[in-house]
Amino acid sequence: MEERNVLNELYAVILDRKANPKEGSYTNYLMTQGIDKILKKVGEESAETIIAAKNGSKEETIYETCDLLYHLSVLLEEMGITWTEVMDELARRELKTGNLKQLHTKGDI
């Protein structure tokens, strides 16, 4: 099966909505409302993800995590940050142990 990078695909859709606004698009609505609205939605979705997990609902946690990742994607675009940059930072952190950077093989963390 071919591996997909869904976050980059989602980000591409968000970029397309910015370049080619569509009537009734929720993404366009968020972008026109600006950073404060986007941040409010990220906060709401974070809280909903926490509540779903606290309630022990796997299905609801997955659903809310998807909402959170979508809103984070809109936020990243608003700030000019790509998912590739975020993943690169995660890869750099993979090399850290405590406060010291050390070389590890991928399975060591």
PDB file of N, CA and C in Angstrom:
ATOM      1  N   MET A   1       0.850  -1.183   0.000  1.00  0.00           N
ATOM      2  CA  MET A   1       0.000   0.000   0.000  1.00  0.00           C
ATOM      3  C   MET A   1       0.894   1.244   0.000  1.00  0.00           C
ATOM      4  N   GLU A   2       0.531   2.216  -0.790  1.00  0.00           N
ATOM      5  CA  GLU A   2       1.286   3.462  -0.884  1.00  0.00           C
ATOM      6  C   GLU A   2       1.067   4.311   0.361  1.00  0.00           C
ATOM      7  N   GLU A   3       2.170   4.797   0.935  1.00  0.00           N
ATOM      8  CA  GLU A   3       2.078   5.645   2.119  1.00  0.00           C
ATOM      9  C   GLU A   3       1.660   7.044   1.695  1.00  0.00           C
ATOM     10  N   ARG A   4       0.753   7.626   2.448  1.00  0.00           N
ATOM     11  CA  ARG A   4       0.278   8.986   2.177  1.00  0.00           C
ATOM     12  C   ARG A   4       0.704   9.894   3.312  1.00  0.00           C
ATOM     13  N   ASN A   5       0.950  11.123   2.967  1.00  0.00           N
ATOM     14  CA  ASN A   5       1.222  12.115   3.998  1.00  0.00           C
ATOM     15  C   ASN A   5      -0.013  13.001   4.084  1.00  0.00           C
ATOM     16  N   VAL A   6      -0.963  12.558   4.867  1.00  0.00           N
ATOM     17  CA  VAL A   6      -2.263  13.200   4.944  1.00  0.00           C
ATOM     18  C   VAL A   6      -2.152  14.646   5.432  1.00  0.00           C
ATOM     19  N   LEU A   7      -1.245  14.914   6.375  1.00  0.00           N
ATOM     20  CA  LEU A   7      -1.111  16.280   6.870  1.00  0.00           C
ATOM     21  C   LEU A   7      -0.632  17.220   5.770  1.00  0.00           C
ATOM     22  N   ASN A   8       0.313  16.772   4.953  1.00  0.00           N
ATOM     23  CA  ASN A   8       0.742  17.614   3.834  1.00  0.00           C
ATOM     24  C   ASN A   8      -0.356  17.769   2.790  1.00  0.00           C
ATOM     25  N   GLU A   9      -1.146  16.716   2.580  1.00  0.00           N
ATOM     26  CA  GLU A   9      -2.274  16.809   1.644  1.00  0.00           C
ATOM     27  C   GLU A   9      -3.308  17.806   2.158  1.00  0.00           C
ATOM     28  N   LEU A  10      -3.601  17.745   3.459  1.00  0.00           N
ATOM     29  CA  LEU A  10      -4.535  18.690   4.068  1.00  0.00           C
ATOM     30  C   LEU A  10      -4.010  20.113   3.933  1.00  0.00           C
ATOM     31  N   TYR A  11      -2.729  20.292   4.202  1.00  0.00           N
ATOM     32  CA  TYR A  11      -2.101  21.608   4.101  1.00  0.00           C
ATOM     33  C   TYR A  11      -2.223  22.148   2.670  1.00  0.00           C
ATOM     34  N   ALA A  12      -2.054  21.269   1.683  1.00  0.00           N
ATOM     35  CA  ALA A  12      -2.183  21.676   0.282  1.00  0.00           C
ATOM     36  C   ALA A  12      -3.604  22.155  -0.023  1.00  0.00           C
ATOM     37  N   VAL A  13      -4.599  21.496   0.537  1.00  0.00           N
ATOM     38  CA  VAL A  13      -5.991  21.933   0.351  1.00  0.00           C
ATOM     39  C   VAL A  13      -6.186  23.319   0.974  1.00  0.00           C
ATOM     40  N   ILE A  14      -5.617  23.531   2.159  1.00  0.00           N
ATOM     41  CA  ILE A  14      -5.734  24.834   2.825  1.00  0.00           C
ATOM     42  C   ILE A  14      -5.072  25.914   1.980  1.00  0.00           C
ATOM     43  N   LEU A  15      -3.893  25.630   1.432  1.00  0.00           N
ATOM     44  CA  LEU A  15      -3.223  26.584   0.534  1.00  0.00           C
ATOM     45  C   LEU A  15      -4.072  26.881  -0.690  1.00  0.00           C
ATOM     46  N   ASP A  16      -4.706  25.844  -1.224  1.00  0.00           N
ATOM     47  CA  ASP A  16      -5.567  26.033  -2.395  1.00  0.00           C
ATOM     48  C   ASP A  16      -6.768  26.905  -2.054  1.00  0.00           C
ATOM     49  N   ARG A  17      -7.348  26.706  -0.881  1.00  0.00           N
ATOM     50  CA  ARG A  17      -8.486  27.537  -0.470  1.00  0.00           C
ATOM     51  C   ARG A  17      -8.069  28.999  -0.337  1.00  0.00           C
ATOM     52  N   LYS A  18      -6.845  29.216   0.127  1.00  0.00           N
ATOM     53  CA  LYS A  18      -6.350  30.580   0.258  1.00  0.00           C
ATOM     54  C   LYS A  18      -6.174  31.219  -1.124  1.00  0.00           C
ATOM     55  N   ALA A  19      -5.607  30.462  -2.047  1.00  0.00           N
ATOM     56  CA  ALA A  19      -5.361  30.972  -3.399  1.00  0.00           C
ATOM     57  C   ALA A  19      -6.638  31.050  -4.223  1.00  0.00           C
ATOM     58  N   ASN A  20      -7.561  30.128  -3.975  1.00  0.00           N
ATOM     59  CA  ASN A  20      -8.801  30.027  -4.750  1.00  0.00           C
ATOM     60  C   ASN A  20      -9.985  29.903  -3.801  1.00  0.00           C
ATOM     61  N   PRO A  21     -10.361  31.007  -3.146  1.00  0.00           N
ATOM     62  CA  PRO A  21     -11.460  30.939  -2.170  1.00  0.00           C
ATOM     63  C   PRO A  21     -12.729  30.342  -2.778  1.00  0.00           C
ATOM     64  N   LYS A  22     -13.415  29.549  -1.967  1.00  0.00           N
ATOM     65  CA  LYS A  22     -14.669  28.933  -2.387  1.00  0.00           C
ATOM     66  C   LYS A  22     -15.785  29.407  -1.484  1.00  0.00           C
ATOM     67  N   GLU A  23     -16.895  29.752  -2.090  1.00  0.00           N
ATOM     68  CA  GLU A  23     -18.077  30.183  -1.350  1.00  0.00           C
ATOM     69  C   GLU A  23     -18.489  29.104  -0.355  1.00  0.00           C
ATOM     70  N   GLY A  24     -18.685  29.494   0.889  1.00  0.00           N
ATOM     71  CA  GLY A  24     -19.135  28.567   1.921  1.00  0.00           C
ATOM     72  C   GLY A  24     -18.035  27.724   2.540  1.00  0.00           C
ATOM     73  N   SER A  25     -16.781  27.944   2.160  1.00  0.00           N
ATOM     74  CA  SER A  25     -15.673  27.162   2.690  1.00  0.00           C
ATOM     75  C   SER A  25     -15.379  27.564   4.135  1.00  0.00           C
ATOM     76  N   TYR A  26     -15.376  26.583   5.024  1.00  0.00           N
ATOM     77  CA  TYR A  26     -15.068  26.837   6.430  1.00  0.00           C
ATOM     78  C   TYR A  26     -13.613  27.305   6.571  1.00  0.00           C
ATOM     79  N   THR A  27     -12.745  26.738   5.761  1.00  0.00           N
ATOM     80  CA  THR A  27     -11.341  27.144   5.779  1.00  0.00           C
ATOM     81  C   THR A  27     -11.224  28.624   5.427  1.00  0.00           C
ATOM     82  N   ASN A  28     -11.922  29.057   4.383  1.00  0.00           N
ATOM     83  CA  ASN A  28     -11.890  30.475   4.012  1.00  0.00           C
ATOM     84  C   ASN A  28     -12.480  31.349   5.115  1.00  0.00           C
ATOM     85  N   TYR A  29     -13.522  30.856   5.756  1.00  0.00           N
ATOM     86  CA  TYR A  29     -14.113  31.597   6.871  1.00  0.00           C
ATOM     87  C   TYR A  29     -13.072  31.823   7.963  1.00  0.00           C
ATOM     88  N   LEU A  30     -12.381  30.774   8.353  1.00  0.00           N
ATOM     89  CA  LEU A  30     -11.366  30.903   9.396  1.00  0.00           C
ATOM     90  C   LEU A  30     -10.276  31.889   8.990  1.00  0.00           C
ATOM     91  N   MET A  31      -9.823  31.785   7.747  1.00  0.00           N
ATOM     92  CA  MET A  31      -8.750  32.661   7.294  1.00  0.00           C
ATOM     93  C   MET A  31      -9.186  34.122   7.240  1.00  0.00           C
ATOM     94  N   THR A  32     -10.428  34.377   6.881  1.00  0.00           N
ATOM     95  CA  THR A  32     -10.886  35.761   6.841  1.00  0.00           C
ATOM     96  C   THR A  32     -11.117  36.309   8.247  1.00  0.00           C
ATOM     97  N   GLN A  33     -11.425  35.448   9.194  1.00  0.00           N
ATOM     98  CA  GLN A  33     -11.619  35.881  10.583  1.00  0.00           C
ATOM     99  C   GLN A  33     -10.288  36.202  11.265  1.00  0.00           C
ATOM    100  N   GLY A  34      -9.232  35.555  10.831  1.00  0.00           N
ATOM    101  CA  GLY A  34      -7.906  35.872  11.332  1.00  0.00           C
ATOM    102  C   GLY A  34      -7.422  35.007  12.478  1.00  0.00           C
ATOM    103  N   ILE A  35      -6.258  35.376  12.962  1.00  0.00           N
ATOM    104  CA  ILE A  35      -5.526  34.570  13.928  1.00  0.00           C
ATOM    105  C   ILE A  35      -6.294  34.339  15.232  1.00  0.00           C
ATOM    106  N   ASP A  36      -7.006  35.342  15.714  1.00  0.00           N
ATOM    107  CA  ASP A  36      -7.723  35.170  16.979  1.00  0.00           C
ATOM    108  C   ASP A  36      -8.783  34.081  16.887  1.00  0.00           C
ATOM    109  N   LYS A  37      -9.534  34.034  15.794  1.00  0.00           N
ATOM    110  CA  LYS A  37     -10.550  32.996  15.599  1.00  0.00           C
ATOM    111  C   LYS A  37      -9.896  31.622  15.451  1.00  0.00           C
ATOM    112  N   ILE A  38      -8.814  31.587  14.687  1.00  0.00           N
ATOM    113  CA  ILE A  38      -8.111  30.319  14.494  1.00  0.00           C
ATOM    114  C   ILE A  38      -7.595  29.792  15.830  1.00  0.00           C
ATOM    115  N   LEU A  39      -6.994  30.661  16.628  1.00  0.00           N
ATOM    116  CA  LEU A  39      -6.480  30.252  17.938  1.00  0.00           C
ATOM    117  C   LEU A  39      -7.600  29.802  18.861  1.00  0.00           C
ATOM    118  N   LYS A  40      -8.741  30.475  18.797  1.00  0.00           N
ATOM    119  CA  LYS A  40      -9.891  30.072  19.609  1.00  0.00           C
ATOM    120  C   LYS A  40     -10.313  28.650  19.253  1.00  0.00           C
ATOM    121  N   LYS A  41     -10.348  28.350  17.962  1.00  0.00           N
ATOM    122  CA  LYS A  41     -10.746  27.015  17.520  1.00  0.00           C
ATOM    123  C   LYS A  41      -9.705  25.966  17.921  1.00  0.00           C
ATOM    124  N   VAL A  42      -8.415  26.305  17.845  1.00  0.00           N
ATOM    125  CA  VAL A  42      -7.383  25.372  18.285  1.00  0.00           C
ATOM    126  C   VAL A  42      -7.570  25.066  19.774  1.00  0.00           C
ATOM    127  N   GLY A  43      -7.848  26.091  20.566  1.00  0.00           N
ATOM    128  CA  GLY A  43      -8.094  25.894  21.995  1.00  0.00           C
ATOM    129  C   GLY A  43      -9.309  25.033  22.251  1.00  0.00           C
ATOM    130  N   GLU A  44     -10.398  25.303  21.546  1.00  0.00           N
ATOM    131  CA  GLU A  44     -11.621  24.508  21.722  1.00  0.00           C
ATOM    132  C   GLU A  44     -11.389  23.049  21.363  1.00  0.00           C
ATOM    133  N   GLU A  45     -10.729  22.827  20.236  1.00  0.00           N
ATOM    134  CA  GLU A  45     -10.500  21.446  19.792  1.00  0.00           C
ATOM    135  C   GLU A  45      -9.520  20.729  20.712  1.00  0.00           C
ATOM    136  N   SER A  46      -8.562  21.449  21.261  1.00  0.00           N
ATOM    137  CA  SER A  46      -7.644  20.851  22.246  1.00  0.00           C
ATOM    138  C   SER A  46      -8.429  20.382  23.460  1.00  0.00           C
ATOM    139  N   ALA A  47      -9.292  21.250  23.959  1.00  0.00           N
ATOM    140  CA  ALA A  47     -10.107  20.898  25.132  1.00  0.00           C
ATOM    141  C   ALA A  47     -11.020  19.710  24.830  1.00  0.00           C
ATOM    142  N   GLU A  48     -11.635  19.694  23.659  1.00  0.00           N
ATOM    143  CA  GLU A  48     -12.525  18.589  23.294  1.00  0.00           C
ATOM    144  C   GLU A  48     -11.752  17.275  23.170  1.00  0.00           C
ATOM    145  N   THR A  49     -10.521  17.334  22.685  1.00  0.00           N
ATOM    146  CA  THR A  49      -9.681  16.140  22.591  1.00  0.00           C
ATOM    147  C   THR A  49      -9.352  15.627  23.989  1.00  0.00           C
ATOM    148  N   ILE A  50      -9.012  16.533  24.887  1.00  0.00           N
ATOM    149  CA  ILE A  50      -8.705  16.162  26.273  1.00  0.00           C
ATOM    150  C   ILE A  50      -9.913  15.505  26.930  1.00  0.00           C
ATOM    151  N   ILE A  51     -11.090  16.097  26.754  1.00  0.00           N
ATOM    152  CA  ILE A  51     -12.308  15.557  27.370  1.00  0.00           C
ATOM    153  C   ILE A  51     -12.624  14.172  26.815  1.00  0.00           C
ATOM    154  N   ALA A  52     -12.495  14.016  25.498  1.00  0.00           N
ATOM    155  CA  ALA A  52     -12.774  12.708  24.890  1.00  0.00           C
ATOM    156  C   ALA A  52     -11.827  11.643  25.445  1.00  0.00           C
ATOM    157  N   ALA A  53     -10.561  11.998  25.573  1.00  0.00           N
ATOM    158  CA  ALA A  53      -9.592  11.042  26.112  1.00  0.00           C
ATOM    159  C   ALA A  53      -9.882  10.741  27.584  1.00  0.00           C
ATOM    160  N   LYS A  54     -10.197  11.769  28.338  1.00  0.00           N
ATOM    161  CA  LYS A  54     -10.518  11.598  29.761  1.00  0.00           C
ATOM    162  C   LYS A  54     -11.733  10.693  29.947  1.00  0.00           C
ATOM    163  N   ASN A  55     -12.678  10.803  29.015  1.00  0.00           N
ATOM    164  CA  ASN A  55     -13.882   9.970  29.062  1.00  0.00           C
ATOM    165  C   ASN A  55     -13.627   8.551  28.574  1.00  0.00           C
ATOM    166  N   GLY A  56     -12.420   8.300  28.062  1.00  0.00           N
ATOM    167  CA  GLY A  56     -12.067   6.947  27.639  1.00  0.00           C
ATOM    168  C   GLY A  56     -12.658   6.519  26.318  1.00  0.00           C
ATOM    169  N   SER A  57     -13.109   7.488  25.519  1.00  0.00           N
ATOM    170  CA  SER A  57     -13.726   7.147  24.239  1.00  0.00           C
ATOM    171  C   SER A  57     -12.699   7.210  23.115  1.00  0.00           C
ATOM    172  N   LYS A  58     -12.288   6.041  22.644  1.00  0.00           N
ATOM    173  CA  LYS A  58     -11.313   5.970  21.563  1.00  0.00           C
ATOM    174  C   LYS A  58     -11.841   6.652  20.300  1.00  0.00           C
ATOM    175  N   GLU A  59     -13.079   6.345  19.924  1.00  0.00           N
ATOM    176  CA  GLU A  59     -13.655   6.892  18.699  1.00  0.00           C
ATOM    177  C   GLU A  59     -13.754   8.418  18.759  1.00  0.00           C
ATOM    178  N   GLU A  60     -14.227   8.926  19.884  1.00  0.00           N
ATOM    179  CA  GLU A  60     -14.375  10.375  20.047  1.00  0.00           C
ATOM    180  C   GLU A  60     -12.998  11.058  20.100  1.00  0.00           C
ATOM    181  N   THR A  61     -12.030  10.397  20.702  1.00  0.00           N
ATOM    182  CA  THR A  61     -10.680  10.956  20.758  1.00  0.00           C
ATOM    183  C   THR A  61     -10.084  11.054  19.353  1.00  0.00           C
ATOM    184  N   ILE A  62     -10.291  10.038  18.544  1.00  0.00           N
ATOM    185  CA  ILE A  62      -9.822  10.083  17.151  1.00  0.00           C
ATOM    186  C   ILE A  62     -10.507  11.226  16.411  1.00  0.00           C
ATOM    187  N   TYR A  63     -11.816  11.333  16.546  1.00  0.00           N
ATOM    188  CA  TYR A  63     -12.592  12.377  15.877  1.00  0.00           C
ATOM    189  C   TYR A  63     -12.096  13.767  16.269  1.00  0.00           C
ATOM    190  N   GLU A  64     -11.941  13.987  17.563  1.00  0.00           N
ATOM    191  CA  GLU A  64     -11.517  15.312  18.044  1.00  0.00           C
ATOM    192  C   GLU A  64     -10.054  15.603  17.688  1.00  0.00           C
ATOM    193  N   THR A  65      -9.236  14.576  17.661  1.00  0.00           N
ATOM    194  CA  THR A  65      -7.845  14.758  17.241  1.00  0.00           C
ATOM    195  C   THR A  65      -7.783  15.206  15.786  1.00  0.00           C
ATOM    196  N   CYS A  66      -8.638  14.647  14.953  1.00  0.00           N
ATOM    197  CA  CYS A  66      -8.700  15.078  13.547  1.00  0.00           C
ATOM    198  C   CYS A  66      -9.101  16.551  13.460  1.00  0.00           C
ATOM    199  N   ASP A  67     -10.091  16.957  14.236  1.00  0.00           N
ATOM    200  CA  ASP A  67     -10.493  18.370  14.262  1.00  0.00           C
ATOM    201  C   ASP A  67      -9.332  19.250  14.711  1.00  0.00           C
ATOM    202  N   LEU A  68      -8.615  18.800  15.738  1.00  0.00           N
ATOM    203  CA  LEU A  68      -7.480  19.562  16.247  1.00  0.00           C
ATOM    204  C   LEU A  68      -6.384  19.684  15.191  1.00  0.00           C
ATOM    205  N   LEU A  69      -6.059  18.597  14.524  1.00  0.00           N
ATOM    206  CA  LEU A  69      -5.022  18.637  13.490  1.00  0.00           C
ATOM    207  C   LEU A  69      -5.421  19.534  12.320  1.00  0.00           C
ATOM    208  N   TYR A  70      -6.699  19.527  11.964  1.00  0.00           N
ATOM    209  CA  TYR A  70      -7.175  20.434  10.913  1.00  0.00           C
ATOM    210  C   TYR A  70      -6.959  21.885  11.327  1.00  0.00           C
ATOM    211  N   HIS A  71      -7.408  22.239  12.530  1.00  0.00           N
ATOM    212  CA  HIS A  71      -7.281  23.620  12.983  1.00  0.00           C
ATOM    213  C   HIS A  71      -5.822  24.013  13.181  1.00  0.00           C
ATOM    214  N   LEU A  72      -4.992  23.081  13.625  1.00  0.00           N
ATOM    215  CA  LEU A  72      -3.557  23.351  13.707  1.00  0.00           C
ATOM    216  C   LEU A  72      -2.973  23.600  12.316  1.00  0.00           C
ATOM    217  N   SER A  73      -3.464  22.870  11.323  1.00  0.00           N
ATOM    218  CA  SER A  73      -2.998  23.074   9.949  1.00  0.00           C
ATOM    219  C   SER A  73      -3.340  24.466   9.449  1.00  0.00           C
ATOM    220  N   VAL A  74      -4.541  24.940   9.758  1.00  0.00           N
ATOM    221  CA  VAL A  74      -4.934  26.297   9.381  1.00  0.00           C
ATOM    222  C   VAL A  74      -4.041  27.305  10.095  1.00  0.00           C
ATOM    223  N   LEU A  75      -3.781  27.067  11.377  1.00  0.00           N
ATOM    224  CA  LEU A  75      -2.897  27.954  12.142  1.00  0.00           C
ATOM    225  C   LEU A  75      -1.497  27.989  11.546  1.00  0.00           C
ATOM    226  N   LEU A  76      -0.955  26.821  11.231  1.00  0.00           N
ATOM    227  CA  LEU A  76       0.382  26.773  10.646  1.00  0.00           C
ATOM    228  C   LEU A  76       0.434  27.563   9.348  1.00  0.00           C
ATOM    229  N   GLU A  77      -0.575  27.388   8.505  1.00  0.00           N
ATOM    230  CA  GLU A  77      -0.598  28.133   7.240  1.00  0.00           C
ATOM    231  C   GLU A  77      -0.650  29.628   7.514  1.00  0.00           C
ATOM    232  N   GLU A  78      -1.469  30.030   8.450  1.00  0.00           N
ATOM    233  CA  GLU A  78      -1.601  31.442   8.806  1.00  0.00           C
ATOM    234  C   GLU A  78      -0.253  32.027   9.223  1.00  0.00           C
ATOM    235  N   MET A  79       0.564  31.197   9.854  1.00  0.00           N
ATOM    236  CA  MET A  79       1.860  31.655  10.352  1.00  0.00           C
ATOM    237  C   MET A  79       3.004  31.379   9.369  1.00  0.00           C
ATOM    238  N   GLY A  80       2.684  30.777   8.226  1.00  0.00           N
ATOM    239  CA  GLY A  80       3.717  30.491   7.240  1.00  0.00           C
ATOM    240  C   GLY A  80       4.633  29.338   7.628  1.00  0.00           C
ATOM    241  N   ILE A  81       4.089  28.401   8.388  1.00  0.00           N
ATOM    242  CA  ILE A  81       4.833  27.224   8.834  1.00  0.00           C
ATOM    243  C   ILE A  81       4.246  26.007   8.134  1.00  0.00           C
ATOM    244  N   THR A  82       5.109  25.113   7.655  1.00  0.00           N
ATOM    245  CA  THR A  82       4.627  23.897   7.002  1.00  0.00           C
ATOM    246  C   THR A  82       4.726  22.704   7.944  1.00  0.00           C
ATOM    247  N   TRP A  83       3.979  21.657   7.622  1.00  0.00           N
ATOM    248  CA  TRP A  83       4.079  20.427   8.399  1.00  0.00           C
ATOM    249  C   TRP A  83       5.476  19.827   8.244  1.00  0.00           C
ATOM    250  N   THR A  84       6.119  20.041   7.110  1.00  0.00           N
ATOM    251  CA  THR A  84       7.483  19.547   6.921  1.00  0.00           C
ATOM    252  C   THR A  84       8.420  20.168   7.944  1.00  0.00           C
ATOM    253  N   GLU A  85       8.260  21.457   8.211  1.00  0.00           N
ATOM    254  CA  GLU A  85       9.090  22.122   9.222  1.00  0.00           C
ATOM    255  C   GLU A  85       8.832  21.536  10.610  1.00  0.00           C
ATOM    256  N   VAL A  86       7.576  21.252  10.910  1.00  0.00           N
ATOM    257  CA  VAL A  86       7.225  20.651  12.206  1.00  0.00           C
ATOM    258  C   VAL A  86       7.836  19.256  12.313  1.00  0.00           C
ATOM    259  N   MET A  87       7.720  18.460  11.250  1.00  0.00           N
ATOM    260  CA  MET A  87       8.275  17.107  11.265  1.00  0.00           C
ATOM    261  C   MET A  87       9.801  17.137  11.352  1.00  0.00           C
ATOM    262  N   ASP A  88      10.417  18.113  10.692  1.00  0.00           N
ATOM    263  CA  ASP A  88      11.878  18.261  10.795  1.00  0.00           C
ATOM    264  C   ASP A  88      12.288  18.542  12.241  1.00  0.00           C
ATOM    265  N   GLU A  89      11.515  19.382  12.924  1.00  0.00           N
ATOM    266  CA  GLU A  89      11.808  19.668  14.338  1.00  0.00           C
ATOM    267  C   GLU A  89      11.644  18.412  15.190  1.00  0.00           C
ATOM    268  N   LEU A  90      10.599  17.628  14.911  1.00  0.00           N
ATOM    269  CA  LEU A  90      10.426  16.364  15.643  1.00  0.00           C
ATOM    270  C   LEU A  90      11.615  15.439  15.412  1.00  0.00           C
ATOM    271  N   ALA A  91      12.103  15.392  14.178  1.00  0.00           N
ATOM    272  CA  ALA A  91      13.259  14.554  13.867  1.00  0.00           C
ATOM    273  C   ALA A  91      14.493  15.036  14.627  1.00  0.00           C
ATOM    274  N   ARG A  92      14.676  16.353  14.736  1.00  0.00           N
ATOM    275  CA  ARG A  92      15.799  16.887  15.507  1.00  0.00           C
ATOM    276  C   ARG A  92      15.669  16.498  16.980  1.00  0.00           C
ATOM    277  N   ARG A  93      14.466  16.543  17.500  1.00  0.00           N
ATOM    278  CA  ARG A  93      14.248  16.199  18.912  1.00  0.00           C
ATOM    279  C   ARG A  93      14.488  14.723  19.175  1.00  0.00           C
ATOM    280  N   GLU A  94      14.338  13.925  18.162  1.00  0.00           N
ATOM    281  CA  GLU A  94      14.577  12.495  18.301  1.00  0.00           C
ATOM    282  C   GLU A  94      16.021  12.237  18.730  1.00  0.00           C
ATOM    283  N   LEU A  95      16.906  13.162  18.430  1.00  0.00           N
ATOM    284  CA  LEU A  95      18.319  13.016  18.760  1.00  0.00           C
ATOM    285  C   LEU A  95      18.657  13.496  20.163  1.00  0.00           C
ATOM    286  N   LYS A  96      17.661  14.023  20.892  1.00  0.00           N
ATOM    287  CA  LYS A  96      17.926  14.565  22.222  1.00  0.00           C
ATOM    288  C   LYS A  96      17.608  13.541  23.309  1.00  0.00           C
ATOM    289  N   THR A  97      18.431  13.547  24.339  1.00  0.00           N
ATOM    290  CA  THR A  97      18.163  12.777  25.544  1.00  0.00           C
ATOM    291  C   THR A  97      18.297  13.755  26.699  1.00  0.00           C
ATOM    292  N   GLY A  98      17.237  13.970  27.430  1.00  0.00           N
ATOM    293  CA  GLY A  98      17.279  14.967  28.495  1.00  0.00           C
ATOM    294  C   GLY A  98      17.622  16.325  27.900  1.00  0.00           C
ATOM    295  N   ASN A  99      18.606  16.976  28.446  1.00  0.00           N
ATOM    296  CA  ASN A  99      19.037  18.261  27.934  1.00  0.00           C
ATOM    297  C   ASN A  99      20.242  18.146  27.014  1.00  0.00           C
ATOM    298  N   LEU A 100      20.722  16.938  26.807  1.00  0.00           N
ATOM    299  CA  LEU A 100      21.910  16.726  25.988  1.00  0.00           C
ATOM    300  C   LEU A 100      21.537  16.091  24.660  1.00  0.00           C
ATOM    301  N   LYS A 101      22.094  16.616  23.569  1.00  0.00           N
ATOM    302  CA  LYS A 101      21.886  16.003  22.265  1.00  0.00           C
ATOM    303  C   LYS A 101      22.898  14.872  22.098  1.00  0.00           C
ATOM    304  N   GLN A 102      22.377  13.716  21.761  1.00  0.00           N
ATOM    305  CA  GLN A 102      23.237  12.569  21.530  1.00  0.00           C
ATOM    306  C   GLN A 102      22.732  11.835  20.304  1.00  0.00           C
ATOM    307  N   LEU A 103      23.615  11.171  19.612  1.00  0.00           N
ATOM    308  CA  LEU A 103      23.217  10.402  18.440  1.00  0.00           C
ATOM    309  C   LEU A 103      22.624   9.078  18.886  1.00  0.00           C
ATOM    310  N   HIS A 104      21.488   8.737  18.313  1.00  0.00           N
ATOM    311  CA  HIS A 104      20.799   7.492  18.607  1.00  0.00           C
ATOM    312  C   HIS A 104      20.373   6.872  17.298  1.00  0.00           C
ATOM    313  N   THR A 105      20.107   5.582  17.332  1.00  0.00           N
ATOM    314  CA  THR A 105      19.429   4.963  16.202  1.00  0.00           C
ATOM    315  C   THR A 105      17.945   5.228  16.399  1.00  0.00           C
ATOM    316  N   LYS A 106      17.173   5.124  15.343  1.00  0.00           N
ATOM    317  CA  LYS A 106      15.767   5.468  15.390  1.00  0.00           C
ATOM    318  C   LYS A 106      14.998   4.715  16.469  1.00  0.00           C
ATOM    319  N   GLY A 107      15.350   3.510  16.774  1.00  0.00           N
ATOM    320  CA  GLY A 107      14.599   2.731  17.742  1.00  0.00           C
ATOM    321  C   GLY A 107      14.940   3.017  19.205  1.00  0.00           C
ATOM    322  N   ASP A 108      15.874   3.913  19.455  1.00  0.00           N
ATOM    323  CA  ASP A 108      16.323   4.147  20.828  1.00  0.00           C
ATOM    324  C   ASP A 108      15.426   5.041  21.665  1.00  0.00           C
ATOM    325  N   ILE A 109      14.504   5.710  21.081  1.00  0.00           N
ATOM    326  CA  ILE A 109      13.734   6.705  21.848  1.00  0.00           C
ATOM    327  C   ILE A 109      12.488   6.113  22.440  1.00  0.00           C
TER     328      ILE A 109
END
